[in-house]
Amino acid sequence: MANSRSALKRVRITAKKTARNKILRSKVKNSIRRHKLAILNESEDVDTTYKQAMSQIDRAVSKGIMHRNTAARKKSRLTKAYNKVSV
């Protein structure tokens, strides 16, 4: 356990940032999952789920939650699946 006041503060700040990062990571995963389910069910809202997933991935990259190459890979795979359904 931390002893100094500054170390205690860093522990609190790290806990806040970890919680925020976890929320954003979860939003990305949920949006990807929703999009995949929409594709499997051949739902009409495939376009909206696709746009939401792309938006969440881009937001995670801008916040530093996800590496840009990881995001590019995920977006590429989602786009490939989206194009199969839409064409």
N, C-alpha and C. Protein backbone atom coordinates (compact mmCIF):
# COMPACT_ATOMS: atom_id res chain seq x y z
N MET A 1 0.85 -1.18 0.00
CA MET A 1 0.00 0.00 0.00
C MET A 1 0.89 1.24 0.00
N ALA A 2 0.40 2.28 -0.63
CA ALA A 2 1.15 3.53 -0.75
C ALA A 2 1.21 4.24 0.60
N ASN A 3 2.33 4.93 0.82
CA ASN A 3 2.52 5.62 2.09
C ASN A 3 2.38 7.13 1.97
N SER A 4 2.92 7.71 0.91
CA SER A 4 2.90 9.17 0.80
C SER A 4 1.56 9.64 0.25
N ARG A 5 1.28 10.94 0.46
CA ARG A 5 0.02 11.51 -0.01
C ARG A 5 -0.06 11.48 -1.54
N SER A 6 1.06 11.75 -2.19
CA SER A 6 1.05 11.76 -3.65
C SER A 6 0.83 10.36 -4.22
N ALA A 7 1.39 9.36 -3.53
CA ALA A 7 1.19 7.98 -3.98
C ALA A 7 -0.25 7.55 -3.79
N LEU A 8 -0.87 7.98 -2.70
CA LEU A 8 -2.28 7.67 -2.46
C LEU A 8 -3.16 8.33 -3.53
N LYS A 9 -2.79 9.54 -3.89
CA LYS A 9 -3.55 10.24 -4.93
C LYS A 9 -3.40 9.51 -6.26
N ARG A 10 -2.20 9.04 -6.57
CA ARG A 10 -1.99 8.31 -7.82
C ARG A 10 -2.83 7.03 -7.85
N VAL A 11 -2.96 6.39 -6.70
CA VAL A 11 -3.78 5.17 -6.62
C VAL A 11 -5.23 5.51 -6.94
N ARG A 12 -5.73 6.62 -6.40
CA ARG A 12 -7.11 7.03 -6.67
C ARG A 12 -7.30 7.37 -8.14
N ILE A 13 -6.36 8.11 -8.71
CA ILE A 13 -6.46 8.52 -10.11
C ILE A 13 -6.41 7.29 -11.03
N THR A 14 -5.51 6.36 -10.71
CA THR A 14 -5.40 5.15 -11.52
C THR A 14 -6.70 4.35 -11.47
N ALA A 15 -7.32 4.28 -10.31
CA ALA A 15 -8.59 3.56 -10.19
C ALA A 15 -9.67 4.21 -11.05
N LYS A 16 -9.73 5.54 -11.08
CA LYS A 16 -10.71 6.25 -11.91
C LYS A 16 -10.48 5.98 -13.38
N LYS A 17 -9.21 6.09 -13.80
CA LYS A 17 -8.88 5.89 -15.21
C LYS A 17 -9.14 4.46 -15.64
N THR A 18 -8.84 3.50 -14.77
CA THR A 18 -9.09 2.10 -15.08
C THR A 18 -10.58 1.85 -15.28
N ALA A 19 -11.40 2.44 -14.41
CA ALA A 19 -12.84 2.28 -14.54
C ALA A 19 -13.34 2.89 -15.84
N ARG A 20 -12.85 4.07 -16.19
CA ARG A 20 -13.26 4.74 -17.43
C ARG A 20 -12.85 3.92 -18.64
N ASN A 21 -11.62 3.39 -18.62
CA ASN A 21 -11.13 2.58 -19.74
C ASN A 21 -11.95 1.30 -19.89
N LYS A 22 -12.32 0.72 -18.77
CA LYS A 22 -13.11 -0.51 -18.79
C LYS A 22 -14.47 -0.26 -19.43
N ILE A 23 -15.08 0.87 -19.10
CA ILE A 23 -16.38 1.22 -19.68
C ILE A 23 -16.26 1.38 -21.19
N LEU A 24 -15.24 2.11 -21.64
CA LEU A 24 -15.08 2.33 -23.07
C LEU A 24 -14.78 1.03 -23.83
N ARG A 25 -13.93 0.19 -23.24
CA ARG A 25 -13.62 -1.09 -23.85
C ARG A 25 -14.87 -1.95 -23.97
N SER A 26 -15.69 -1.90 -22.94
CA SER A 26 -16.94 -2.66 -22.94
C SER A 26 -17.89 -2.14 -24.01
N LYS A 27 -17.96 -0.82 -24.19
CA LYS A 27 -18.82 -0.26 -25.23
C LYS A 27 -18.39 -0.72 -26.61
N VAL A 28 -17.09 -0.78 -26.84
CA VAL A 28 -16.58 -1.24 -28.14
C VAL A 28 -16.99 -2.69 -28.37
N LYS A 29 -16.76 -3.53 -27.37
CA LYS A 29 -17.09 -4.95 -27.52
C LYS A 29 -18.58 -5.15 -27.74
N ASN A 30 -19.41 -4.41 -27.00
CA ASN A 30 -20.85 -4.55 -27.14
C ASN A 30 -21.33 -4.10 -28.52
N SER A 31 -20.77 -3.02 -29.03
CA SER A 31 -21.19 -2.54 -30.34
C SER A 31 -20.78 -3.53 -31.44
N ILE A 32 -19.61 -4.14 -31.31
CA ILE A 32 -19.17 -5.15 -32.27
C ILE A 32 -20.09 -6.37 -32.18
N ARG A 33 -20.42 -6.78 -30.96
CA ARG A 33 -21.29 -7.93 -30.77
C ARG A 33 -22.68 -7.66 -31.37
N ARG A 34 -23.22 -6.46 -31.15
CA ARG A 34 -24.52 -6.11 -31.72
C ARG A 34 -24.50 -6.17 -33.24
N HIS A 35 -23.41 -5.67 -33.82
CA HIS A 35 -23.30 -5.68 -35.28
C HIS A 35 -23.24 -7.11 -35.82
N LYS A 36 -22.46 -7.96 -35.16
CA LYS A 36 -22.38 -9.35 -35.61
C LYS A 36 -23.73 -10.05 -35.50
N LEU A 37 -24.46 -9.78 -34.43
CA LEU A 37 -25.79 -10.38 -34.27
C LEU A 37 -26.75 -9.87 -35.33
N ALA A 38 -26.65 -8.59 -35.68
CA ALA A 38 -27.52 -8.03 -36.72
C ALA A 38 -27.22 -8.69 -38.06
N ILE A 39 -25.96 -8.98 -38.32
CA ILE A 39 -25.59 -9.65 -39.56
C ILE A 39 -26.13 -11.08 -39.57
N LEU A 40 -25.96 -11.80 -38.46
CA LEU A 40 -26.43 -13.19 -38.39
C LEU A 40 -27.95 -13.29 -38.54
N ASN A 41 -28.66 -12.35 -37.91
CA ASN A 41 -30.12 -12.36 -37.96
C ASN A 41 -30.67 -11.70 -39.21
N GLU A 42 -29.78 -11.20 -40.06
CA GLU A 42 -30.17 -10.48 -41.27
C GLU A 42 -31.17 -9.38 -40.93
N SER A 43 -30.85 -8.66 -39.89
CA SER A 43 -31.72 -7.59 -39.40
C SER A 43 -31.65 -6.38 -40.32
N GLU A 44 -32.64 -5.50 -40.19
CA GLU A 44 -32.68 -4.30 -41.01
C GLU A 44 -31.76 -3.19 -40.49
N ASP A 45 -31.37 -3.30 -39.24
CA ASP A 45 -30.53 -2.26 -38.65
C ASP A 45 -29.03 -2.55 -38.75
N VAL A 46 -28.64 -3.28 -39.77
CA VAL A 46 -27.22 -3.60 -39.97
C VAL A 46 -26.44 -2.31 -40.23
N ASP A 47 -27.02 -1.40 -40.99
CA ASP A 47 -26.33 -0.14 -41.29
C ASP A 47 -26.06 0.67 -40.03
N THR A 48 -27.06 0.78 -39.18
CA THR A 48 -26.87 1.59 -37.96
C THR A 48 -25.89 0.93 -37.00
N THR A 49 -25.97 -0.41 -36.87
CA THR A 49 -25.02 -1.07 -35.96
C THR A 49 -23.60 -0.97 -36.50
N TYR A 50 -23.46 -1.01 -37.82
CA TYR A 50 -22.13 -0.86 -38.44
C TYR A 50 -21.56 0.52 -38.12
N LYS A 51 -22.36 1.55 -38.31
CA LYS A 51 -21.89 2.91 -38.04
C LYS A 51 -21.56 3.11 -36.56
N GLN A 52 -22.38 2.55 -35.69
CA GLN A 52 -22.11 2.67 -34.26
C GLN A 52 -20.82 1.96 -33.86
N ALA A 53 -20.60 0.79 -34.43
CA ALA A 53 -19.38 0.04 -34.11
C ALA A 53 -18.15 0.81 -34.57
N MET A 54 -18.20 1.37 -35.77
CA MET A 54 -17.07 2.15 -36.28
C MET A 54 -16.81 3.37 -35.40
N SER A 55 -17.88 4.01 -35.00
CA SER A 55 -17.77 5.19 -34.15
C SER A 55 -17.13 4.85 -32.80
N GLN A 56 -17.58 3.75 -32.20
CA GLN A 56 -17.04 3.34 -30.90
C GLN A 56 -15.56 2.98 -31.01
N ILE A 57 -15.20 2.31 -32.09
CA ILE A 57 -13.79 1.93 -32.28
C ILE A 57 -12.94 3.19 -32.44
N ASP A 58 -13.40 4.13 -33.26
CA ASP A 58 -12.65 5.37 -33.46
C ASP A 58 -12.52 6.16 -32.16
N ARG A 59 -13.58 6.16 -31.38
CA ARG A 59 -13.55 6.88 -30.10
C ARG A 59 -12.54 6.24 -29.16
N ALA A 60 -12.48 4.92 -29.14
CA ALA A 60 -11.52 4.22 -28.27
C ALA A 60 -10.08 4.54 -28.68
N VAL A 61 -9.84 4.65 -29.98
CA VAL A 61 -8.49 4.99 -30.45
C VAL A 61 -8.14 6.41 -30.04
N SER A 62 -9.08 7.32 -30.18
CA SER A 62 -8.79 8.72 -29.85
C SER A 62 -8.54 8.90 -28.36
N LYS A 63 -9.16 8.07 -27.53
CA LYS A 63 -8.96 8.15 -26.08
C LYS A 63 -7.74 7.37 -25.62
N GLY A 64 -7.12 6.62 -26.54
CA GLY A 64 -5.93 5.86 -26.16
C GLY A 64 -6.24 4.52 -25.54
N ILE A 65 -7.48 4.05 -25.67
CA ILE A 65 -7.87 2.78 -25.10
C ILE A 65 -7.41 1.62 -25.98
N MET A 66 -7.42 1.87 -27.30
CA MET A 66 -7.10 0.83 -28.26
C MET A 66 -6.01 1.34 -29.20
N HIS A 67 -5.10 0.45 -29.59
CA HIS A 67 -4.05 0.82 -30.53
C HIS A 67 -4.66 0.99 -31.91
N ARG A 68 -4.11 1.90 -32.69
CA ARG A 68 -4.71 2.21 -33.99
C ARG A 68 -4.66 1.03 -34.96
N ASN A 69 -3.63 0.19 -34.87
CA ASN A 69 -3.57 -0.97 -35.75
C ASN A 69 -4.61 -2.02 -35.36
N THR A 70 -4.83 -2.17 -34.06
CA THR A 70 -5.88 -3.08 -33.59
C THR A 70 -7.23 -2.60 -34.09
N ALA A 71 -7.45 -1.30 -34.00
CA ALA A 71 -8.71 -0.73 -34.46
C ALA A 71 -8.87 -0.93 -35.96
N ALA A 72 -7.81 -0.74 -36.72
CA ALA A 72 -7.87 -0.92 -38.16
C ALA A 72 -8.21 -2.37 -38.50
N ARG A 73 -7.65 -3.31 -37.77
CA ARG A 73 -7.93 -4.72 -38.00
C ARG A 73 -9.40 -5.04 -37.71
N LYS A 74 -9.90 -4.55 -36.59
CA LYS A 74 -11.30 -4.79 -36.23
C LYS A 74 -12.24 -4.15 -37.24
N LYS A 75 -11.94 -2.92 -37.65
CA LYS A 75 -12.78 -2.23 -38.62
C LYS A 75 -12.76 -2.95 -39.97
N SER A 76 -11.62 -3.46 -40.34
CA SER A 76 -11.50 -4.18 -41.60
C SER A 76 -12.36 -5.44 -41.59
N ARG A 77 -12.30 -6.18 -40.51
CA ARG A 77 -13.08 -7.42 -40.41
C ARG A 77 -14.58 -7.13 -40.39
N LEU A 78 -14.97 -6.07 -39.68
CA LEU A 78 -16.38 -5.70 -39.64
C LEU A 78 -16.86 -5.25 -41.02
N THR A 79 -16.03 -4.49 -41.72
CA THR A 79 -16.39 -4.01 -43.04
C THR A 79 -16.53 -5.16 -44.02
N LYS A 80 -15.63 -6.13 -43.92
CA LYS A 80 -15.68 -7.29 -44.80
C LYS A 80 -16.99 -8.06 -44.60
N ALA A 81 -17.38 -8.25 -43.34
CA ALA A 81 -18.63 -8.96 -43.04
C ALA A 81 -19.83 -8.13 -43.49
N TYR A 82 -19.76 -6.83 -43.30
CA TYR A 82 -20.85 -5.93 -43.69
C TYR A 82 -21.03 -5.95 -45.21
N ASN A 83 -19.94 -5.95 -45.95
CA ASN A 83 -20.03 -5.97 -47.41
C ASN A 83 -20.60 -7.28 -47.95
N LYS A 84 -20.33 -8.39 -47.27
CA LYS A 84 -20.90 -9.66 -47.69
C LYS A 84 -22.43 -9.62 -47.61
N VAL A 85 -22.92 -9.00 -46.55
CA VAL A 85 -24.36 -8.96 -46.33
C VAL A 85 -25.03 -7.94 -47.24
N SER A 86 -24.43 -6.78 -47.38
CA SER A 86 -25.08 -5.69 -48.09
C SER A 86 -25.03 -5.85 -49.61
N VAL A 87 -24.07 -6.61 -50.11
CA VAL A 87 -23.95 -6.76 -51.58
C VAL A 87 -24.77 -7.91 -52.08
